[in-house]
């Protein structure tokens, strides 16, 4: 069975490695201590602290497994091998919807690094998939859930 690769920047891989270390060395021991304390409260069948700690432990163990898999199958993408004016993973793109004055700027990152609230969008998102491989000055039609958006690429960093 072929495992999925997780495209990401070197910075994204470093952040995942830090998260894994924090989960294993800080979060896991904390929740184990909480479970020990909660066991001391008596009957486990009616012990909400114990149940909450066990739920958190399950979440942490699941996240550890997910992060380990992403690190194991990480594919680091080097955007320096792509033309300076071409949109690719790891680069920041600024575009403007035709007919609008405002511009939008996003860094295109792997799915593991995506955080739209900080301007980082996944390379698998409709916007990024449409922009990747395009160059400054190109006009692109981005499909949206309702209709489409026509944009002009203004800058790539």
N, C-alpha and C. Protein backbone atom coordinates (compact mmCIF):
# COMPACT_ATOMS: atom_id res chain seq x y z
N UNK A 1 0.83 -1.17 0.00
CA UNK A 1 0.00 0.00 0.00
C UNK A 1 0.89 1.25 0.00
N UNK A 2 0.62 2.17 -0.89
CA UNK A 2 1.39 3.39 -0.98
C UNK A 2 0.78 4.44 -0.05
N UNK A 3 1.61 4.97 0.84
CA UNK A 3 1.16 5.99 1.77
C UNK A 3 1.13 7.35 1.07
N UNK A 4 0.25 8.19 1.52
CA UNK A 4 0.16 9.55 1.01
C UNK A 4 1.38 10.33 1.47
N UNK A 5 1.94 11.14 0.59
CA UNK A 5 3.02 12.02 1.01
C UNK A 5 2.40 13.35 1.44
N UNK A 6 3.08 14.01 2.33
CA UNK A 6 2.63 15.29 2.84
C UNK A 6 3.62 16.36 2.40
N UNK A 7 3.25 17.11 1.37
CA UNK A 7 4.11 18.17 0.90
C UNK A 7 4.11 19.30 1.92
N UNK A 8 5.31 19.81 2.20
CA UNK A 8 5.41 20.91 3.15
C UNK A 8 6.73 21.63 2.98
N UNK A 9 6.81 22.77 3.59
CA UNK A 9 8.06 23.52 3.59
C UNK A 9 8.94 22.98 4.71
N UNK A 10 10.21 23.32 4.67
CA UNK A 10 11.13 22.90 5.73
C UNK A 10 10.69 23.48 7.07
N UNK A 11 10.18 24.71 7.04
CA UNK A 11 9.68 25.35 8.25
C UNK A 11 8.48 24.57 8.81
N UNK A 12 7.61 24.12 7.93
CA UNK A 12 6.45 23.33 8.35
C UNK A 12 6.87 22.02 9.00
N UNK A 13 7.89 21.37 8.46
CA UNK A 13 8.39 20.13 9.05
C UNK A 13 8.97 20.40 10.43
N UNK A 14 9.72 21.48 10.56
CA UNK A 14 10.31 21.82 11.86
C UNK A 14 9.21 22.07 12.90
N UNK A 15 8.13 22.74 12.51
CA UNK A 15 7.03 23.00 13.44
C UNK A 15 6.35 21.70 13.85
N UNK A 16 6.19 20.77 12.91
CA UNK A 16 5.59 19.47 13.25
C UNK A 16 6.49 18.72 14.23
N UNK A 17 7.80 18.77 14.02
CA UNK A 17 8.72 18.09 14.93
C UNK A 17 8.67 18.70 16.33
N UNK A 18 8.53 20.03 16.41
CA UNK A 18 8.38 20.69 17.71
C UNK A 18 7.07 20.29 18.38
N UNK A 19 6.00 20.23 17.58
CA UNK A 19 4.70 19.83 18.14
C UNK A 19 4.78 18.41 18.69
N UNK A 20 5.41 17.50 17.94
CA UNK A 20 5.54 16.11 18.38
C UNK A 20 6.33 16.02 19.69
N UNK A 21 7.40 16.76 19.76
CA UNK A 21 8.21 16.77 20.99
C UNK A 21 7.38 17.28 22.17
N UNK A 22 6.62 18.35 21.96
CA UNK A 22 5.77 18.91 23.02
C UNK A 22 4.69 17.91 23.44
N UNK A 23 4.09 17.24 22.48
CA UNK A 23 3.05 16.25 22.80
C UNK A 23 3.61 15.11 23.64
N UNK A 24 4.80 14.63 23.24
CA UNK A 24 5.38 13.47 23.93
C UNK A 24 6.00 13.82 25.29
N UNK A 25 6.68 14.96 25.35
CA UNK A 25 7.43 15.29 26.56
C UNK A 25 6.68 16.16 27.56
N UNK A 26 5.63 16.86 27.11
CA UNK A 26 4.90 17.75 28.00
C UNK A 26 3.45 17.29 28.17
N UNK A 27 2.72 17.25 27.08
CA UNK A 27 1.27 16.98 27.16
C UNK A 27 0.96 15.56 27.65
N UNK A 28 1.67 14.57 27.12
CA UNK A 28 1.41 13.18 27.53
C UNK A 28 1.64 12.99 29.03
N UNK A 29 2.79 13.43 29.58
CA UNK A 29 2.99 13.27 31.03
C UNK A 29 1.96 14.05 31.86
N UNK A 30 1.57 15.23 31.39
CA UNK A 30 0.56 16.01 32.13
C UNK A 30 -0.75 15.25 32.25
N UNK A 31 -1.20 14.68 31.15
CA UNK A 31 -2.48 13.98 31.17
C UNK A 31 -2.38 12.68 31.98
N UNK A 32 -1.24 12.04 31.96
CA UNK A 32 -1.04 10.83 32.77
C UNK A 32 -1.14 11.19 34.25
N UNK A 33 -0.56 12.32 34.63
CA UNK A 33 -0.66 12.78 36.02
C UNK A 33 -2.11 13.10 36.38
N UNK A 34 -2.84 13.73 35.47
CA UNK A 34 -4.25 14.05 35.73
C UNK A 34 -5.07 12.77 35.92
N UNK A 35 -4.76 11.74 35.15
CA UNK A 35 -5.48 10.47 35.29
C UNK A 35 -5.19 9.86 36.66
N UNK A 36 -3.92 9.90 37.08
CA UNK A 36 -3.55 9.36 38.40
C UNK A 36 -4.30 10.08 39.53
N UNK A 37 -4.34 11.40 39.44
CA UNK A 37 -5.03 12.19 40.46
C UNK A 37 -6.52 11.86 40.44
N UNK A 38 -7.11 11.80 39.27
CA UNK A 38 -8.56 11.54 39.15
C UNK A 38 -8.92 10.15 39.67
N UNK A 39 -8.02 9.18 39.50
CA UNK A 39 -8.28 7.83 40.03
C UNK A 39 -8.42 7.86 41.55
N UNK A 40 -7.72 8.77 42.16
CA UNK A 40 -7.77 8.88 43.62
C UNK A 40 -9.10 9.43 44.14
N UNK A 41 -9.93 9.92 43.26
CA UNK A 41 -11.23 10.47 43.68
C UNK A 41 -12.28 9.39 43.90
N UNK A 42 -11.94 8.15 43.65
CA UNK A 42 -12.88 7.07 43.95
C UNK A 42 -13.51 6.46 42.72
N UNK A 43 -14.79 6.15 42.82
CA UNK A 43 -15.56 5.43 41.80
C UNK A 43 -15.36 6.03 40.41
N UNK A 44 -14.73 5.26 39.51
CA UNK A 44 -14.42 5.75 38.17
C UNK A 44 -15.65 5.90 37.29
N UNK A 45 -16.72 5.16 37.60
CA UNK A 45 -17.92 5.22 36.75
C UNK A 45 -18.63 6.56 36.84
N UNK A 46 -18.42 7.29 37.93
CA UNK A 46 -19.08 8.59 38.09
C UNK A 46 -18.05 9.71 38.27
N UNK A 47 -16.87 9.51 37.74
CA UNK A 47 -15.76 10.43 37.94
C UNK A 47 -15.54 11.24 36.66
N UNK A 48 -16.08 12.46 36.62
CA UNK A 48 -15.99 13.28 35.41
C UNK A 48 -14.56 13.73 35.13
N UNK A 49 -13.76 13.96 36.16
CA UNK A 49 -12.36 14.35 35.95
C UNK A 49 -11.60 13.23 35.26
N UNK A 50 -11.87 11.99 35.68
CA UNK A 50 -11.21 10.84 35.08
C UNK A 50 -11.61 10.70 33.62
N UNK A 51 -12.91 10.81 33.35
CA UNK A 51 -13.40 10.69 31.97
C UNK A 51 -12.80 11.77 31.08
N UNK A 52 -12.75 13.01 31.57
CA UNK A 52 -12.18 14.12 30.79
C UNK A 52 -10.70 13.88 30.50
N UNK A 53 -9.98 13.40 31.50
CA UNK A 53 -8.55 13.13 31.32
C UNK A 53 -8.33 11.99 30.33
N UNK A 54 -9.15 10.95 30.40
CA UNK A 54 -9.03 9.82 29.45
C UNK A 54 -9.36 10.29 28.02
N UNK A 55 -10.36 11.16 27.88
CA UNK A 55 -10.69 11.71 26.56
C UNK A 55 -9.52 12.53 26.01
N UNK A 56 -8.93 13.34 26.87
CA UNK A 56 -7.79 14.14 26.44
C UNK A 56 -6.61 13.25 26.07
N UNK A 57 -6.40 12.19 26.83
CA UNK A 57 -5.33 11.25 26.53
C UNK A 57 -5.54 10.61 25.16
N UNK A 58 -6.77 10.23 24.85
CA UNK A 58 -7.07 9.64 23.54
C UNK A 58 -6.79 10.64 22.42
N UNK A 59 -7.17 11.90 22.65
CA UNK A 59 -6.91 12.94 21.65
C UNK A 59 -5.41 13.11 21.42
N UNK A 60 -4.64 13.20 22.51
CA UNK A 60 -3.20 13.41 22.41
C UNK A 60 -2.54 12.24 21.69
N UNK A 61 -2.92 11.01 22.05
CA UNK A 61 -2.32 9.84 21.40
C UNK A 61 -2.66 9.81 19.91
N UNK A 62 -3.89 10.19 19.57
CA UNK A 62 -4.28 10.27 18.16
C UNK A 62 -3.48 11.31 17.41
N UNK A 63 -3.28 12.47 18.03
CA UNK A 63 -2.51 13.54 17.39
C UNK A 63 -1.05 13.12 17.24
N UNK A 64 -0.48 12.45 18.23
CA UNK A 64 0.90 11.95 18.13
C UNK A 64 1.01 11.04 16.92
N UNK A 65 0.09 10.12 16.78
CA UNK A 65 0.10 9.19 15.66
C UNK A 65 0.01 9.93 14.32
N UNK A 66 -0.87 10.91 14.24
CA UNK A 66 -1.04 11.68 13.00
C UNK A 66 0.23 12.45 12.66
N UNK A 67 0.80 13.13 13.65
CA UNK A 67 2.00 13.93 13.40
C UNK A 67 3.17 13.03 13.02
N UNK A 68 3.32 11.88 13.67
CA UNK A 68 4.39 10.95 13.31
C UNK A 68 4.25 10.49 11.86
N UNK A 69 3.04 10.23 11.44
CA UNK A 69 2.80 9.81 10.05
C UNK A 69 3.15 10.94 9.08
N UNK A 70 2.74 12.15 9.41
CA UNK A 70 3.05 13.29 8.52
C UNK A 70 4.56 13.50 8.42
N UNK A 71 5.27 13.35 9.52
CA UNK A 71 6.73 13.52 9.49
C UNK A 71 7.37 12.39 8.69
N UNK A 72 6.91 11.18 8.92
CA UNK A 72 7.48 10.02 8.23
C UNK A 72 7.33 10.14 6.71
N UNK A 73 6.20 10.66 6.26
CA UNK A 73 5.93 10.73 4.82
C UNK A 73 6.00 12.17 4.30
N UNK A 74 6.78 13.01 4.99
CA UNK A 74 6.93 14.40 4.56
C UNK A 74 7.74 14.48 3.27
N UNK A 75 7.31 15.36 2.40
CA UNK A 75 8.05 15.65 1.17
C UNK A 75 8.33 17.15 1.19
N UNK A 76 9.58 17.50 1.42
CA UNK A 76 9.95 18.91 1.52
C UNK A 76 10.04 19.47 0.11
N UNK A 77 9.31 20.57 -0.10
CA UNK A 77 9.29 21.22 -1.41
C UNK A 77 10.16 22.46 -1.34
N UNK A 78 11.08 22.56 -2.27
CA UNK A 78 12.00 23.69 -2.32
C UNK A 78 11.52 24.67 -3.39
N UNK A 79 10.98 25.80 -2.94
CA UNK A 79 10.43 26.78 -3.88
C UNK A 79 11.51 27.57 -4.60
N UNK A 80 12.78 27.45 -4.16
CA UNK A 80 13.85 28.21 -4.82
C UNK A 80 14.17 27.65 -6.20
N UNK A 81 13.76 26.41 -6.48
CA UNK A 81 14.02 25.81 -7.79
C UNK A 81 12.98 26.23 -8.83
N UNK A 82 11.97 26.99 -8.41
CA UNK A 82 10.91 27.46 -9.29
C UNK A 82 11.20 28.92 -9.64
N UNK A 83 10.80 29.34 -10.84
CA UNK A 83 11.02 30.73 -11.26
C UNK A 83 10.50 31.69 -10.20
N UNK A 84 11.19 32.81 -10.03
CA UNK A 84 10.85 33.77 -8.98
C UNK A 84 9.43 34.32 -9.10
N UNK A 85 8.92 34.43 -10.33
CA UNK A 85 7.60 35.01 -10.52
C UNK A 85 6.50 33.96 -10.68
N UNK A 86 6.83 32.70 -10.38
CA UNK A 86 5.87 31.60 -10.53
C UNK A 86 5.33 31.17 -9.16
N UNK A 87 4.04 30.97 -9.08
CA UNK A 87 3.40 30.55 -7.83
C UNK A 87 3.71 29.07 -7.59
N UNK A 88 4.16 28.77 -6.36
CA UNK A 88 4.42 27.38 -5.98
C UNK A 88 4.29 27.24 -4.48
N UNK A 89 4.32 26.01 -4.01
CA UNK A 89 4.25 25.74 -2.58
C UNK A 89 5.42 26.43 -1.90
N UNK A 90 5.15 27.09 -0.78
CA UNK A 90 6.17 27.79 -0.03
C UNK A 90 6.26 29.27 -0.37
N UNK A 91 5.64 29.68 -1.45
CA UNK A 91 5.70 31.09 -1.85
C UNK A 91 4.44 31.83 -1.39
N UNK A 92 4.58 33.14 -1.33
CA UNK A 92 3.46 34.01 -0.97
C UNK A 92 2.99 34.70 -2.24
N UNK A 93 1.69 34.68 -2.46
CA UNK A 93 1.12 35.27 -3.67
C UNK A 93 0.11 36.35 -3.30
N UNK A 94 0.19 37.45 -4.03
CA UNK A 94 -0.76 38.54 -3.86
C UNK A 94 -1.55 38.67 -5.16
N UNK A 95 -2.88 38.70 -5.03
CA UNK A 95 -3.72 38.84 -6.22
C UNK A 95 -4.87 39.78 -5.94
N UNK A 96 -5.51 40.20 -7.02
CA UNK A 96 -6.62 41.13 -6.92
C UNK A 96 -7.75 40.63 -7.79
N UNK A 97 -8.93 40.58 -7.20
CA UNK A 97 -10.10 40.18 -7.97
C UNK A 97 -10.40 41.29 -8.97
N UNK A 98 -10.65 40.92 -10.22
CA UNK A 98 -10.93 41.92 -11.24
C UNK A 98 -12.19 42.69 -10.87
N UNK A 99 -12.10 44.01 -10.98
CA UNK A 99 -13.22 44.86 -10.62
C UNK A 99 -13.23 45.29 -9.16
N UNK A 100 -12.28 44.80 -8.38
CA UNK A 100 -12.19 45.15 -6.95
C UNK A 100 -10.91 45.93 -6.70
N UNK A 101 -10.87 46.69 -5.61
CA UNK A 101 -9.68 47.47 -5.26
C UNK A 101 -8.78 46.72 -4.29
N UNK A 102 -9.37 45.93 -3.40
CA UNK A 102 -8.61 45.23 -2.37
C UNK A 102 -7.80 44.09 -2.97
N UNK A 103 -6.65 43.82 -2.35
CA UNK A 103 -5.83 42.69 -2.75
C UNK A 103 -5.89 41.63 -1.64
N UNK A 104 -5.55 40.42 -2.00
CA UNK A 104 -5.47 39.32 -1.02
C UNK A 104 -4.09 38.70 -1.14
N UNK A 105 -3.52 38.36 0.01
CA UNK A 105 -2.19 37.76 0.04
C UNK A 105 -2.24 36.48 0.87
N UNK A 106 -1.71 35.40 0.29
CA UNK A 106 -1.67 34.11 0.97
C UNK A 106 -0.33 33.44 0.74
N UNK A 107 0.13 32.72 1.74
CA UNK A 107 1.28 31.84 1.56
C UNK A 107 0.72 30.46 1.27
N UNK A 108 1.23 29.81 0.24
CA UNK A 108 0.77 28.47 -0.11
C UNK A 108 1.67 27.47 0.59
N UNK A 109 1.05 26.64 1.42
CA UNK A 109 1.77 25.67 2.24
C UNK A 109 1.13 24.29 2.09
N UNK A 110 1.76 23.28 2.63
CA UNK A 110 1.18 21.94 2.63
C UNK A 110 -0.01 21.87 3.57
N UNK A 111 -0.81 20.84 3.44
CA UNK A 111 -2.03 20.72 4.24
C UNK A 111 -1.73 20.69 5.74
N UNK A 112 -0.59 20.15 6.12
CA UNK A 112 -0.24 20.07 7.54
C UNK A 112 0.03 21.45 8.14
N UNK A 113 0.39 22.41 7.31
CA UNK A 113 0.75 23.74 7.78
C UNK A 113 -0.37 24.75 7.63
N UNK A 114 -1.42 24.40 6.92
CA UNK A 114 -2.46 25.36 6.56
C UNK A 114 -3.11 26.00 7.79
N UNK A 115 -3.28 27.30 7.72
CA UNK A 115 -3.97 28.07 8.75
C UNK A 115 -4.50 29.34 8.09
N UNK A 116 -5.71 29.26 7.53
CA UNK A 116 -6.26 30.41 6.79
C UNK A 116 -6.33 31.69 7.61
N UNK A 117 -6.45 31.57 8.93
CA UNK A 117 -6.55 32.76 9.77
C UNK A 117 -5.24 33.55 9.83
N UNK A 118 -4.13 32.89 9.51
CA UNK A 118 -2.84 33.58 9.46
C UNK A 118 -2.35 33.74 8.02
N UNK A 119 -3.22 33.51 7.05
CA UNK A 119 -2.86 33.72 5.65
C UNK A 119 -2.12 32.58 5.00
N UNK A 120 -2.19 31.39 5.59
CA UNK A 120 -1.53 30.21 5.02
C UNK A 120 -2.61 29.26 4.51
N UNK A 121 -2.63 29.05 3.18
CA UNK A 121 -3.64 28.17 2.60
C UNK A 121 -2.99 26.90 2.06
N UNK A 122 -3.73 25.82 2.11
CA UNK A 122 -3.26 24.52 1.67
C UNK A 122 -3.07 24.49 0.16
N UNK A 123 -2.02 23.79 -0.26
CA UNK A 123 -1.79 23.62 -1.69
C UNK A 123 -2.90 22.79 -2.34
N UNK A 124 -3.75 22.17 -1.54
CA UNK A 124 -4.86 21.39 -2.06
C UNK A 124 -6.16 22.18 -2.11
N UNK A 125 -6.14 23.43 -1.64
CA UNK A 125 -7.34 24.27 -1.68
C UNK A 125 -7.62 24.70 -3.12
N UNK A 126 -8.89 25.00 -3.45
CA UNK A 126 -9.22 25.42 -4.81
C UNK A 126 -8.42 26.65 -5.27
N UNK A 127 -8.22 27.61 -4.37
CA UNK A 127 -7.46 28.80 -4.76
C UNK A 127 -6.03 28.42 -5.11
N UNK A 128 -5.36 27.70 -4.23
CA UNK A 128 -3.95 27.35 -4.46
C UNK A 128 -3.79 26.45 -5.68
N UNK A 129 -4.67 25.45 -5.82
CA UNK A 129 -4.56 24.54 -6.98
C UNK A 129 -4.65 25.33 -8.29
N UNK A 130 -5.48 26.34 -8.31
CA UNK A 130 -5.64 27.15 -9.52
C UNK A 130 -4.44 28.06 -9.75
N UNK A 131 -3.85 28.58 -8.67
CA UNK A 131 -2.75 29.54 -8.81
C UNK A 131 -1.38 28.89 -9.04
N UNK A 132 -1.17 27.68 -8.53
CA UNK A 132 0.14 27.04 -8.65
C UNK A 132 0.50 26.86 -10.13
N UNK A 133 1.72 27.27 -10.44
CA UNK A 133 2.22 27.17 -11.81
C UNK A 133 1.96 28.43 -12.64
N UNK A 134 1.14 29.33 -12.11
CA UNK A 134 0.86 30.59 -12.83
C UNK A 134 1.91 31.62 -12.45
N UNK A 135 1.97 32.70 -13.23
CA UNK A 135 3.01 33.72 -13.02
C UNK A 135 2.41 35.09 -12.81
N UNK A 136 3.25 36.00 -12.33
CA UNK A 136 2.85 37.39 -12.12
C UNK A 136 2.31 37.94 -13.44
N UNK A 137 1.15 38.61 -13.36
CA UNK A 137 0.52 39.18 -14.54
C UNK A 137 -0.56 38.30 -15.13
N UNK A 138 -0.56 37.00 -14.77
CA UNK A 138 -1.58 36.09 -15.29
C UNK A 138 -2.94 36.42 -14.69
N UNK A 139 -3.98 36.26 -15.51
CA UNK A 139 -5.35 36.37 -15.04
C UNK A 139 -5.89 34.94 -14.95
N UNK A 140 -6.48 34.61 -13.81
CA UNK A 140 -6.88 33.24 -13.51
C UNK A 140 -8.33 33.22 -13.04
N UNK A 141 -9.06 32.18 -13.42
CA UNK A 141 -10.43 32.00 -12.94
C UNK A 141 -10.39 30.94 -11.85
N UNK A 142 -10.78 31.34 -10.63
CA UNK A 142 -10.78 30.43 -9.48
C UNK A 142 -12.21 29.95 -9.24
N UNK A 143 -12.44 28.64 -9.27
CA UNK A 143 -13.78 28.13 -8.99
C UNK A 143 -14.12 28.27 -7.51
N UNK A 144 -15.33 28.70 -7.24
CA UNK A 144 -15.82 28.86 -5.88
C UNK A 144 -17.03 27.95 -5.68
N UNK A 145 -17.43 27.70 -4.43
CA UNK A 145 -18.61 26.87 -4.21
C UNK A 145 -19.84 27.40 -4.95
N UNK A 146 -19.91 28.72 -5.06
CA UNK A 146 -21.01 29.34 -5.81
C UNK A 146 -20.38 30.25 -6.85
N UNK A 147 -20.25 29.77 -8.08
CA UNK A 147 -19.70 30.58 -9.15
C UNK A 147 -18.20 30.50 -9.24
N UNK A 148 -17.60 31.62 -9.63
CA UNK A 148 -16.15 31.68 -9.80
C UNK A 148 -15.67 33.10 -9.56
N UNK A 149 -14.35 33.25 -9.43
CA UNK A 149 -13.75 34.54 -9.17
C UNK A 149 -12.59 34.69 -10.16
N UNK A 150 -12.54 35.82 -10.85
CA UNK A 150 -11.44 36.07 -11.79
C UNK A 150 -10.46 37.02 -11.11
N UNK A 151 -9.19 36.60 -11.05
CA UNK A 151 -8.18 37.37 -10.35
C UNK A 151 -6.95 37.58 -11.23
N UNK A 152 -6.21 38.61 -10.87
CA UNK A 152 -4.93 38.87 -11.54
C UNK A 152 -3.83 38.74 -10.50
N UNK A 153 -2.80 37.98 -10.82
CA UNK A 153 -1.68 37.78 -9.90
C UNK A 153 -0.79 39.02 -9.98
N UNK A 154 -0.60 39.67 -8.84
CA UNK A 154 0.17 40.90 -8.78
C UNK A 154 1.62 40.71 -8.35
N UNK A 155 1.83 39.76 -7.42
CA UNK A 155 3.17 39.60 -6.85
C UNK A 155 3.35 38.19 -6.31
N UNK A 156 4.59 37.68 -6.44
CA UNK A 156 4.94 36.38 -5.87
C UNK A 156 6.26 36.55 -5.12
N UNK A 157 6.28 36.19 -3.85
CA UNK A 157 7.50 36.29 -3.03
C UNK A 157 7.93 34.91 -2.60
